[in-house]
Structure formats: C-alpha cells, structure tokens
Amino acid sequence: SKCTDPTADQKAQQAMLAKAGCQLTPLLQSGKTYRYSATCKMAGMTTTSDSVLEVESAEAYTITVDSVADGSKTHEVLRARRTGDCAK
C-alpha cells in the first residue's frame, strides 16, 4: 500500500525510459485503455516492452507490461485500487 498518483507515475516512467535512450511510441487511447511501447538498447542488448493501462473506474486500474529482453519474456500485472486518502 502506498500513496500514488497514477498519471504522474506514468509520466515519470516514460520520462525515465526516454532519458535512458529508449524509443517510445505515442500513447494511444481507446476508451478507457491506454497503450504504448518502448524499445531500449542498453549494454548491447535490445529490450522491447508493450504496456497497457486499463481504467476500471475512478478508483481502480490495471497495468500490464509484456517485455522481451535477450530472448526472455516477462509478463507483469499491477492492479491498483483506491483505499483512502493519502496521509497528510
């Protein structure tokens, strides 16, 4: 459990990838679904990732990231649900 701002978190993630030299596709929106991809070349290895953010409501969302790095595939799922106000 942590206090977070999903919009700011996504912008920070994309900024971090861009700063690392990754090529990002434009953010595509279709209804409550947002998608973007990244291709990163680091240490002689290319990593690609496809991210999908699905808004369930104003209080919940899911982010799925499928990546391939050096032939190895990963699948990450983060489910977020609002539980209350952030501590002041």
Protein backbone atom coordinates (compact mmCIF):
# COMPACT_ATOMS: atom_id res chain seq x y z
CA SER A 1 0.00 0.00 0.00
CA LYS A 2 1.39 3.42 -0.94
CA CYS A 3 0.19 6.89 -1.77
CA THR A 4 0.46 7.46 -5.53
CA ASP A 5 -0.74 9.50 -8.47
CA PRO A 6 -1.20 7.15 -11.46
CA THR A 7 -0.90 9.95 -14.05
CA ALA A 8 2.31 11.28 -12.53
CA ASP A 9 3.68 7.73 -12.17
CA GLN A 10 3.11 7.00 -15.88
CA LYS A 11 4.72 10.28 -16.93
CA ALA A 12 7.72 9.59 -14.68
CA GLN A 13 8.07 6.05 -16.12
CA GLN A 14 8.02 7.37 -19.70
CA ALA A 15 10.49 10.15 -18.83
CA MET A 16 12.86 7.61 -17.24
CA LEU A 17 12.70 5.40 -20.35
CA ALA A 18 13.28 8.36 -22.68
CA LYS A 19 16.24 9.55 -20.58
CA ALA A 20 17.73 6.05 -20.83
CA GLY A 21 17.63 6.40 -24.64
CA CYS A 22 14.57 4.26 -25.24
CA GLN A 23 12.33 4.91 -28.22
CA LEU A 24 8.68 5.28 -27.15
CA THR A 25 5.59 5.06 -29.30
CA PRO A 26 2.94 7.74 -28.80
CA LEU A 27 0.39 6.97 -26.09
CA LEU A 28 -2.74 5.59 -27.78
CA GLN A 29 -6.12 5.81 -26.09
CA SER A 30 -9.18 3.76 -26.93
CA GLY A 31 -11.97 4.35 -24.44
CA LYS A 32 -10.56 3.50 -21.01
CA THR A 33 -7.49 1.70 -22.39
CA TYR A 34 -4.09 3.36 -22.90
CA ARG A 35 -1.18 1.71 -24.74
CA TYR A 36 2.44 2.46 -25.51
CA SER A 37 5.57 0.52 -26.42
CA ALA A 38 9.25 1.05 -25.73
CA THR A 39 12.38 -0.25 -27.42
CA CYS A 40 15.58 0.12 -25.42
CA LYS A 41 19.15 -0.69 -26.39
CA MET A 42 21.47 -1.00 -23.40
CA ALA A 43 24.71 -2.90 -22.85
CA GLY A 44 24.49 -4.44 -26.33
CA MET A 45 21.02 -5.85 -25.68
CA THR A 46 17.65 -4.77 -27.07
CA THR A 47 14.60 -4.85 -24.82
CA THR A 48 11.07 -4.27 -26.05
CA SER A 49 8.01 -3.75 -23.88
CA ASP A 50 4.32 -3.24 -24.51
CA SER A 51 2.36 -1.51 -21.74
CA VAL A 52 -1.42 -1.44 -21.38
CA LEU A 53 -3.23 0.60 -18.74
CA GLU A 54 -6.90 -0.25 -18.30
CA VAL A 55 -9.01 2.11 -16.20
CA GLU A 56 -11.70 0.20 -14.36
CA SER A 57 -13.12 3.24 -12.57
CA ALA A 58 -12.01 6.47 -10.94
CA GLU A 59 -10.84 4.24 -8.08
CA ALA A 60 -9.11 1.31 -9.84
CA TYR A 61 -6.86 0.46 -12.77
CA THR A 62 -4.65 -2.36 -14.06
CA ILE A 63 -1.30 -2.04 -15.83
CA THR A 64 0.05 -4.97 -17.84
CA VAL A 65 3.61 -4.96 -19.22
CA ASP A 66 4.87 -7.65 -21.59
CA SER A 67 8.60 -7.47 -22.28
CA VAL A 68 11.25 -9.37 -24.21
CA ALA A 69 14.91 -8.98 -23.22
CA ASP A 70 17.63 -11.10 -24.78
CA GLY A 71 15.04 -13.71 -25.77
CA SER A 72 13.48 -13.93 -22.30
CA LYS A 73 9.84 -12.93 -21.95
CA THR A 74 8.27 -11.39 -18.85
CA HIS A 75 4.65 -10.59 -18.04
CA GLU A 76 3.91 -8.13 -15.23
CA VAL A 77 0.50 -7.15 -13.89
CA LEU A 78 -0.14 -4.36 -11.37
CA ARG A 79 -3.65 -3.94 -10.02
CA ALA A 80 -4.32 -0.72 -8.16
CA ARG A 81 -7.35 0.14 -6.08
CA ARG A 82 -8.00 3.29 -4.06
CA THR A 83 -8.28 2.50 -0.38
CA GLY A 84 -8.50 6.02 1.07
CA ASP A 85 -6.93 9.46 1.24
CA CYS A 86 -3.16 9.90 1.42
CA ALA A 87 -1.68 10.73 4.81
CA LYS A 88 -1.04 14.44 5.20
